[in-house]
Amino acid sequence: MPRFSFLRLAAWAVALVVGAIYGAAGTISHAYRVFGFPVGLILAMVAAGAVIIAVRALTADRWAALATGLGAMIVSLVLSGTGAGGSVIVPQSILGIVWTLWLPLVTTFVVAWPERIDRGRAVGVAD
């Protein structure tokens, strides 16, 4: 297990901000439809999933992927409430429910995914 360092803490903070940006973009655009087809939801789901997977793959750190997912979930939760003027960004519709459930599901899946096994190192240890 890697040791704690301020560089890792900074990476988690950056991952949290990146997740917040993607969460805000997805929350705002998820209701966009073209001829009834939920283009915004599909693009938001792909983008949010891709950024969480990319952070996990590039950093090889579960905590960074978790920070990315948490950033997206927190912003989505904040923007899902009723605004001061009574406006709602995420209405209680099937699109809103799918978007709300997608973020924790993809985050859980990516964080729980097992680590990659380096075959060369595993063989060297066995010898």
N, C-alpha and C. Protein backbone atom coordinates (compact mmCIF):
# COMPACT_ATOMS: atom_id res chain seq x y z
N MET A 1 0.84 -1.17 0.00
CA MET A 1 0.00 0.00 0.00
C MET A 1 0.89 1.24 0.00
N PRO A 2 0.60 2.21 -0.89
CA PRO A 2 1.42 3.42 -0.94
C PRO A 2 1.27 4.23 0.35
N ARG A 3 2.35 4.89 0.71
CA ARG A 3 2.33 5.71 1.91
C ARG A 3 1.67 7.05 1.61
N PHE A 4 1.23 7.70 2.68
CA PHE A 4 0.62 9.01 2.54
C PHE A 4 1.68 10.04 2.17
N SER A 5 1.32 10.95 1.29
CA SER A 5 2.20 12.06 0.96
C SER A 5 1.32 13.26 0.59
N PHE A 6 1.91 14.43 0.65
CA PHE A 6 1.15 15.62 0.28
C PHE A 6 0.86 15.65 -1.21
N LEU A 7 1.66 14.98 -2.00
CA LEU A 7 1.41 14.89 -3.42
C LEU A 7 0.14 14.08 -3.69
N ARG A 8 -0.04 12.99 -2.96
CA ARG A 8 -1.26 12.19 -3.09
C ARG A 8 -2.47 12.99 -2.63
N LEU A 9 -2.31 13.75 -1.55
CA LEU A 9 -3.41 14.59 -1.07
C LEU A 9 -3.79 15.64 -2.12
N ALA A 10 -2.81 16.21 -2.77
CA ALA A 10 -3.07 17.17 -3.84
C ALA A 10 -3.77 16.50 -5.02
N ALA A 11 -3.36 15.28 -5.33
CA ALA A 11 -4.01 14.53 -6.42
C ALA A 11 -5.47 14.25 -6.07
N TRP A 12 -5.75 13.93 -4.81
CA TRP A 12 -7.14 13.70 -4.40
C TRP A 12 -7.96 14.98 -4.51
N ALA A 13 -7.36 16.11 -4.15
CA ALA A 13 -8.07 17.39 -4.24
C ALA A 13 -8.37 17.73 -5.70
N VAL A 14 -7.41 17.52 -6.57
CA VAL A 14 -7.62 17.78 -8.00
C VAL A 14 -8.69 16.82 -8.54
N ALA A 15 -8.65 15.57 -8.13
CA ALA A 15 -9.65 14.59 -8.58
C ALA A 15 -11.04 14.99 -8.10
N LEU A 16 -11.15 15.52 -6.88
CA LEU A 16 -12.43 15.98 -6.36
C LEU A 16 -12.97 17.13 -7.20
N VAL A 17 -12.12 18.06 -7.57
CA VAL A 17 -12.53 19.21 -8.39
C VAL A 17 -12.93 18.75 -9.79
N VAL A 18 -12.15 17.85 -10.38
CA VAL A 18 -12.49 17.33 -11.72
C VAL A 18 -13.84 16.62 -11.68
N GLY A 19 -14.06 15.81 -10.65
CA GLY A 19 -15.35 15.15 -10.50
C GLY A 19 -16.48 16.15 -10.33
N ALA A 20 -16.23 17.22 -9.60
CA ALA A 20 -17.26 18.24 -9.41
C ALA A 20 -17.60 18.92 -10.73
N ILE A 21 -16.61 19.17 -11.54
CA ILE A 21 -16.86 19.80 -12.85
C ILE A 21 -17.69 18.88 -13.74
N TYR A 22 -17.31 17.62 -13.80
CA TYR A 22 -18.07 16.67 -14.62
C TYR A 22 -19.47 16.43 -14.04
N GLY A 23 -19.58 16.43 -12.72
CA GLY A 23 -20.89 16.27 -12.10
C GLY A 23 -21.81 17.44 -12.41
N ALA A 24 -21.25 18.65 -12.38
CA ALA A 24 -22.05 19.84 -12.70
C ALA A 24 -22.49 19.82 -14.16
N ALA A 25 -21.56 19.51 -15.04
CA ALA A 25 -21.90 19.46 -16.48
C ALA A 25 -22.95 18.39 -16.76
N GLY A 26 -22.79 17.23 -16.15
CA GLY A 26 -23.76 16.16 -16.37
C GLY A 26 -25.12 16.47 -15.77
N THR A 27 -25.13 17.09 -14.60
CA THR A 27 -26.39 17.42 -13.95
C THR A 27 -27.16 18.45 -14.75
N ILE A 28 -26.45 19.41 -15.30
CA ILE A 28 -27.12 20.46 -16.07
C ILE A 28 -27.59 19.93 -17.42
N SER A 29 -26.82 19.05 -18.04
CA SER A 29 -27.14 18.63 -19.41
C SER A 29 -27.89 17.30 -19.51
N HIS A 30 -28.13 16.62 -18.42
CA HIS A 30 -28.71 15.27 -18.53
C HIS A 30 -30.13 15.26 -19.10
N ALA A 31 -30.86 16.35 -18.99
CA ALA A 31 -32.25 16.37 -19.45
C ALA A 31 -32.39 16.74 -20.92
N TYR A 32 -31.29 17.01 -21.61
CA TYR A 32 -31.36 17.41 -23.02
C TYR A 32 -31.78 16.23 -23.88
N ARG A 33 -32.77 16.46 -24.74
CA ARG A 33 -33.27 15.42 -25.63
C ARG A 33 -33.28 15.93 -27.06
N VAL A 34 -33.06 15.00 -28.00
CA VAL A 34 -33.21 15.29 -29.42
C VAL A 34 -34.24 14.31 -29.96
N PHE A 35 -35.37 14.85 -30.41
CA PHE A 35 -36.49 14.03 -30.89
C PHE A 35 -36.88 12.97 -29.87
N GLY A 36 -36.85 13.32 -28.59
CA GLY A 36 -37.24 12.40 -27.53
C GLY A 36 -36.14 11.47 -27.08
N PHE A 37 -35.01 11.47 -27.77
CA PHE A 37 -33.88 10.59 -27.41
C PHE A 37 -33.00 11.30 -26.38
N PRO A 38 -32.70 10.68 -25.25
CA PRO A 38 -31.97 11.35 -24.16
C PRO A 38 -30.47 11.47 -24.43
N VAL A 39 -30.12 12.33 -25.36
CA VAL A 39 -28.72 12.53 -25.75
C VAL A 39 -27.91 13.06 -24.57
N GLY A 40 -28.46 14.02 -23.83
CA GLY A 40 -27.75 14.61 -22.70
C GLY A 40 -27.43 13.59 -21.62
N LEU A 41 -28.38 12.72 -21.31
CA LEU A 41 -28.15 11.70 -20.28
C LEU A 41 -27.07 10.72 -20.72
N ILE A 42 -27.13 10.28 -21.96
CA ILE A 42 -26.13 9.32 -22.45
C ILE A 42 -24.74 9.94 -22.44
N LEU A 43 -24.62 11.17 -22.93
CA LEU A 43 -23.32 11.84 -22.92
C LEU A 43 -22.82 12.08 -21.50
N ALA A 44 -23.71 12.47 -20.60
CA ALA A 44 -23.33 12.70 -19.21
C ALA A 44 -22.86 11.41 -18.55
N MET A 45 -23.55 10.31 -18.80
CA MET A 45 -23.17 9.03 -18.21
C MET A 45 -21.82 8.56 -18.75
N VAL A 46 -21.63 8.69 -20.06
CA VAL A 46 -20.36 8.27 -20.66
C VAL A 46 -19.22 9.13 -20.14
N ALA A 47 -19.42 10.44 -20.10
CA ALA A 47 -18.35 11.34 -19.65
C ALA A 47 -18.00 11.12 -18.19
N ALA A 48 -19.00 11.02 -17.32
CA ALA A 48 -18.74 10.81 -15.90
C ALA A 48 -18.06 9.46 -15.67
N GLY A 49 -18.56 8.43 -16.31
CA GLY A 49 -17.94 7.11 -16.17
C GLY A 49 -16.52 7.09 -16.69
N ALA A 50 -16.31 7.75 -17.83
CA ALA A 50 -14.97 7.76 -18.43
C ALA A 50 -13.96 8.50 -17.57
N VAL A 51 -14.37 9.62 -16.97
CA VAL A 51 -13.41 10.36 -16.15
C VAL A 51 -13.07 9.61 -14.87
N ILE A 52 -14.03 8.92 -14.29
CA ILE A 52 -13.74 8.13 -13.08
C ILE A 52 -12.82 6.96 -13.43
N ILE A 53 -13.09 6.29 -14.53
CA ILE A 53 -12.23 5.19 -14.98
C ILE A 53 -10.83 5.70 -15.32
N ALA A 54 -10.77 6.85 -15.99
CA ALA A 54 -9.47 7.40 -16.38
C ALA A 54 -8.64 7.78 -15.17
N VAL A 55 -9.26 8.37 -14.16
CA VAL A 55 -8.52 8.73 -12.95
C VAL A 55 -7.98 7.47 -12.27
N ARG A 56 -8.79 6.43 -12.21
CA ARG A 56 -8.33 5.18 -11.59
C ARG A 56 -7.20 4.56 -12.40
N ALA A 57 -7.33 4.57 -13.72
CA ALA A 57 -6.31 3.95 -14.57
C ALA A 57 -5.01 4.75 -14.57
N LEU A 58 -5.11 6.06 -14.59
CA LEU A 58 -3.91 6.89 -14.68
C LEU A 58 -3.17 7.02 -13.35
N THR A 59 -3.91 7.03 -12.26
CA THR A 59 -3.25 7.18 -10.96
C THR A 59 -3.02 5.86 -10.25
N ALA A 60 -3.72 4.81 -10.67
CA ALA A 60 -3.68 3.50 -9.99
C ALA A 60 -4.00 3.65 -8.51
N ASP A 61 -4.91 4.57 -8.20
CA ASP A 61 -5.24 4.88 -6.82
C ASP A 61 -6.76 4.85 -6.66
N ARG A 62 -7.24 3.94 -5.84
CA ARG A 62 -8.68 3.85 -5.59
C ARG A 62 -9.22 5.13 -4.95
N TRP A 63 -8.43 5.73 -4.10
CA TRP A 63 -8.87 6.92 -3.38
C TRP A 63 -9.06 8.10 -4.32
N ALA A 64 -8.23 8.21 -5.33
CA ALA A 64 -8.39 9.29 -6.30
C ALA A 64 -9.67 9.07 -7.11
N ALA A 65 -9.95 7.83 -7.49
CA ALA A 65 -11.19 7.53 -8.21
C ALA A 65 -12.40 7.80 -7.32
N LEU A 66 -12.29 7.47 -6.04
CA LEU A 66 -13.37 7.74 -5.10
C LEU A 66 -13.59 9.24 -4.94
N ALA A 67 -12.50 10.00 -4.88
CA ALA A 67 -12.62 11.47 -4.77
C ALA A 67 -13.31 12.04 -6.01
N THR A 68 -12.99 11.51 -7.18
CA THR A 68 -13.63 11.98 -8.41
C THR A 68 -15.13 11.70 -8.37
N GLY A 69 -15.48 10.48 -8.00
CA GLY A 69 -16.90 10.13 -7.91
C GLY A 69 -17.63 10.93 -6.84
N LEU A 70 -16.99 11.14 -5.70
CA LEU A 70 -17.62 11.93 -4.64
C LEU A 70 -17.82 13.38 -5.07
N GLY A 71 -16.85 13.94 -5.78
CA GLY A 71 -17.01 15.30 -6.28
C GLY A 71 -18.22 15.42 -7.19
N ALA A 72 -18.37 14.45 -8.09
CA ALA A 72 -19.52 14.45 -9.00
C ALA A 72 -20.83 14.26 -8.24
N MET A 73 -20.83 13.36 -7.26
CA MET A 73 -22.06 13.11 -6.49
C MET A 73 -22.45 14.31 -5.64
N ILE A 74 -21.49 14.95 -5.01
CA ILE A 74 -21.79 16.10 -4.15
C ILE A 74 -22.39 17.24 -4.97
N VAL A 75 -21.77 17.55 -6.10
CA VAL A 75 -22.30 18.64 -6.93
C VAL A 75 -23.67 18.27 -7.48
N SER A 76 -23.85 17.03 -7.88
CA SER A 76 -25.15 16.59 -8.37
C SER A 76 -26.20 16.71 -7.27
N LEU A 77 -25.85 16.36 -6.05
CA LEU A 77 -26.78 16.47 -4.93
C LEU A 77 -27.13 17.93 -4.64
N VAL A 78 -26.12 18.79 -4.65
CA VAL A 78 -26.36 20.21 -4.38
C VAL A 78 -27.23 20.83 -5.47
N LEU A 79 -26.96 20.51 -6.71
CA LEU A 79 -27.74 21.08 -7.81
C LEU A 79 -29.12 20.45 -7.95
N SER A 80 -29.34 19.31 -7.32
CA SER A 80 -30.63 18.63 -7.43
C SER A 80 -31.70 19.23 -6.54
N GLY A 81 -31.31 20.04 -5.59
CA GLY A 81 -32.28 20.65 -4.69
C GLY A 81 -33.06 21.76 -5.39
N THR A 82 -34.09 22.21 -4.72
CA THR A 82 -34.88 23.32 -5.24
C THR A 82 -34.12 24.61 -5.01
N GLY A 83 -34.00 25.41 -6.06
CA GLY A 83 -33.28 26.68 -5.97
C GLY A 83 -34.07 27.74 -5.21
N ALA A 84 -33.45 28.89 -5.01
CA ALA A 84 -34.08 29.97 -4.26
C ALA A 84 -35.35 30.46 -4.95
N GLY A 85 -35.37 30.45 -6.26
CA GLY A 85 -36.54 30.89 -7.00
C GLY A 85 -37.55 29.77 -7.25
N GLY A 86 -37.29 28.59 -6.71
CA GLY A 86 -38.19 27.46 -6.90
C GLY A 86 -37.86 26.60 -8.10
N SER A 87 -36.75 26.90 -8.79
CA SER A 87 -36.38 26.12 -9.96
C SER A 87 -35.72 24.81 -9.56
N VAL A 88 -35.89 23.79 -10.39
CA VAL A 88 -35.33 22.47 -10.14
C VAL A 88 -34.55 22.05 -11.38
N ILE A 89 -33.27 21.70 -11.21
CA ILE A 89 -32.46 21.28 -12.35
C ILE A 89 -32.68 19.79 -12.64
N VAL A 90 -32.84 18.99 -11.60
CA VAL A 90 -33.06 17.56 -11.77
C VAL A 90 -34.48 17.23 -11.35
N PRO A 91 -35.42 17.22 -12.30
CA PRO A 91 -36.80 16.89 -11.93
C PRO A 91 -36.92 15.40 -11.61
N GLN A 92 -37.98 15.07 -10.90
CA GLN A 92 -38.19 13.67 -10.55
C GLN A 92 -38.82 12.96 -11.75
N SER A 93 -37.95 12.62 -12.70
CA SER A 93 -38.35 11.89 -13.89
C SER A 93 -37.42 10.70 -14.03
N ILE A 94 -37.65 9.89 -15.03
CA ILE A 94 -36.79 8.72 -15.22
C ILE A 94 -35.36 9.15 -15.53
N LEU A 95 -35.18 10.24 -16.26
CA LEU A 95 -33.83 10.72 -16.57
C LEU A 95 -33.12 11.17 -15.29
N GLY A 96 -33.83 11.90 -14.44
CA GLY A 96 -33.24 12.36 -13.19
C GLY A 96 -32.88 11.21 -12.27
N ILE A 97 -33.73 10.20 -12.22
CA ILE A 97 -33.46 9.03 -11.37
C ILE A 97 -32.26 8.25 -11.90
N VAL A 98 -32.20 8.05 -13.22
CA VAL A 98 -31.06 7.32 -13.80
C VAL A 98 -29.76 8.08 -13.54
N TRP A 99 -29.77 9.40 -13.73
CA TRP A 99 -28.55 10.19 -13.49
C TRP A 99 -28.14 10.14 -12.02
N THR A 100 -29.12 10.24 -11.13
CA THR A 100 -28.83 10.23 -9.70
C THR A 100 -28.25 8.89 -9.25
N LEU A 101 -28.73 7.80 -9.82
CA LEU A 101 -28.23 6.47 -9.43
C LEU A 101 -26.95 6.08 -10.16
N TRP A 102 -26.71 6.64 -11.34
CA TRP A 102 -25.55 6.27 -12.14
C TRP A 102 -24.24 6.61 -11.44
N LEU A 103 -24.15 7.79 -10.87
CA LEU A 103 -22.88 8.23 -10.27
C LEU A 103 -22.41 7.31 -9.14
N PRO A 104 -23.25 6.98 -8.15
CA PRO A 104 -22.75 6.06 -7.11
C PRO A 104 -22.47 4.65 -7.64
N LEU A 105 -23.25 4.20 -8.62
CA LEU A 105 -23.03 2.86 -9.15
C LEU A 105 -21.70 2.76 -9.89
N VAL A 106 -21.42 3.71 -10.78
CA VAL A 106 -20.17 3.65 -11.54
C VAL A 106 -18.98 3.89 -10.61
N THR A 107 -19.13 4.76 -9.63
CA THR A 107 -18.04 5.00 -8.68
C THR A 107 -17.74 3.74 -7.88
N THR A 108 -18.77 3.08 -7.38
CA THR A 108 -18.58 1.85 -6.63
C THR A 108 -17.91 0.78 -7.48
N PHE A 109 -18.35 0.64 -8.72
CA PHE A 109 -17.79 -0.36 -9.62
C PHE A 109 -16.31 -0.10 -9.88
N VAL A 110 -15.97 1.15 -10.18
CA VAL A 110 -14.58 1.49 -10.51
C VAL A 110 -13.67 1.36 -9.29
N VAL A 111 -14.14 1.80 -8.14
CA VAL A 111 -13.31 1.72 -6.92
C VAL A 111 -13.14 0.26 -6.48
N ALA A 112 -14.17 -0.55 -6.65
CA ALA A 112 -14.10 -1.95 -6.21
C ALA A 112 -13.37 -2.85 -7.19
N TRP A 113 -13.11 -2.38 -8.41
CA TRP A 113 -12.44 -3.20 -9.41
C TRP A 113 -11.07 -3.62 -8.88
N PRO A 114 -10.70 -4.90 -9.02
CA PRO A 114 -9.41 -5.36 -8.48
C PRO A 114 -8.21 -4.71 -9.17
N GLU A 115 -7.12 -4.68 -8.45
CA GLU A 115 -5.88 -4.12 -8.98
C GLU A 115 -5.36 -5.00 -10.10
N ARG A 116 -4.60 -4.38 -11.00
CA ARG A 116 -3.97 -5.14 -12.08
C ARG A 116 -2.81 -5.93 -11.50
N ILE A 117 -2.65 -7.16 -11.94
CA ILE A 117 -1.55 -7.99 -11.48
C ILE A 117 -0.43 -7.91 -12.49
N ASP A 118 0.75 -7.56 -12.04
CA ASP A 118 1.92 -7.51 -12.91
C ASP A 118 2.49 -8.92 -12.97
N ARG A 119 2.32 -9.58 -14.10
CA ARG A 119 2.73 -10.98 -14.23
C ARG A 119 4.24 -11.17 -14.03
N GLY A 120 5.04 -10.24 -14.51
CA GLY A 120 6.49 -10.36 -14.35
C GLY A 120 6.90 -10.31 -12.89
N ARG A 121 6.29 -9.42 -12.12
CA ARG A 121 6.61 -9.30 -10.71
C ARG A 121 6.07 -10.52 -9.94
N ALA A 122 4.89 -11.01 -10.32
CA ALA A 122 4.30 -12.16 -9.64
C ALA A 122 5.16 -13.41 -9.85
N VAL A 123 5.71 -13.58 -11.05
CA VAL A 123 6.56 -14.73 -11.33
C VAL A 123 7.88 -14.60 -10.57
N GLY A 124 8.42 -13.38 -10.52
CA GLY A 124 9.68 -13.17 -9.81
C GLY A 124 9.55 -13.45 -8.33
N VAL A 125 8.40 -13.15 -7.74
CA VAL A 125 8.18 -13.41 -6.31
C VAL A 125 8.04 -14.90 -6.07
N ALA A 126 7.42 -15.62 -7.01
CA ALA A 126 7.20 -17.04 -6.83
C ALA A 126 8.50 -17.83 -6.92
N ASP A 127 9.48 -17.33 -7.64
CA ASP A 127 10.72 -18.09 -7.81
C ASP A 127 11.57 -18.09 -6.59
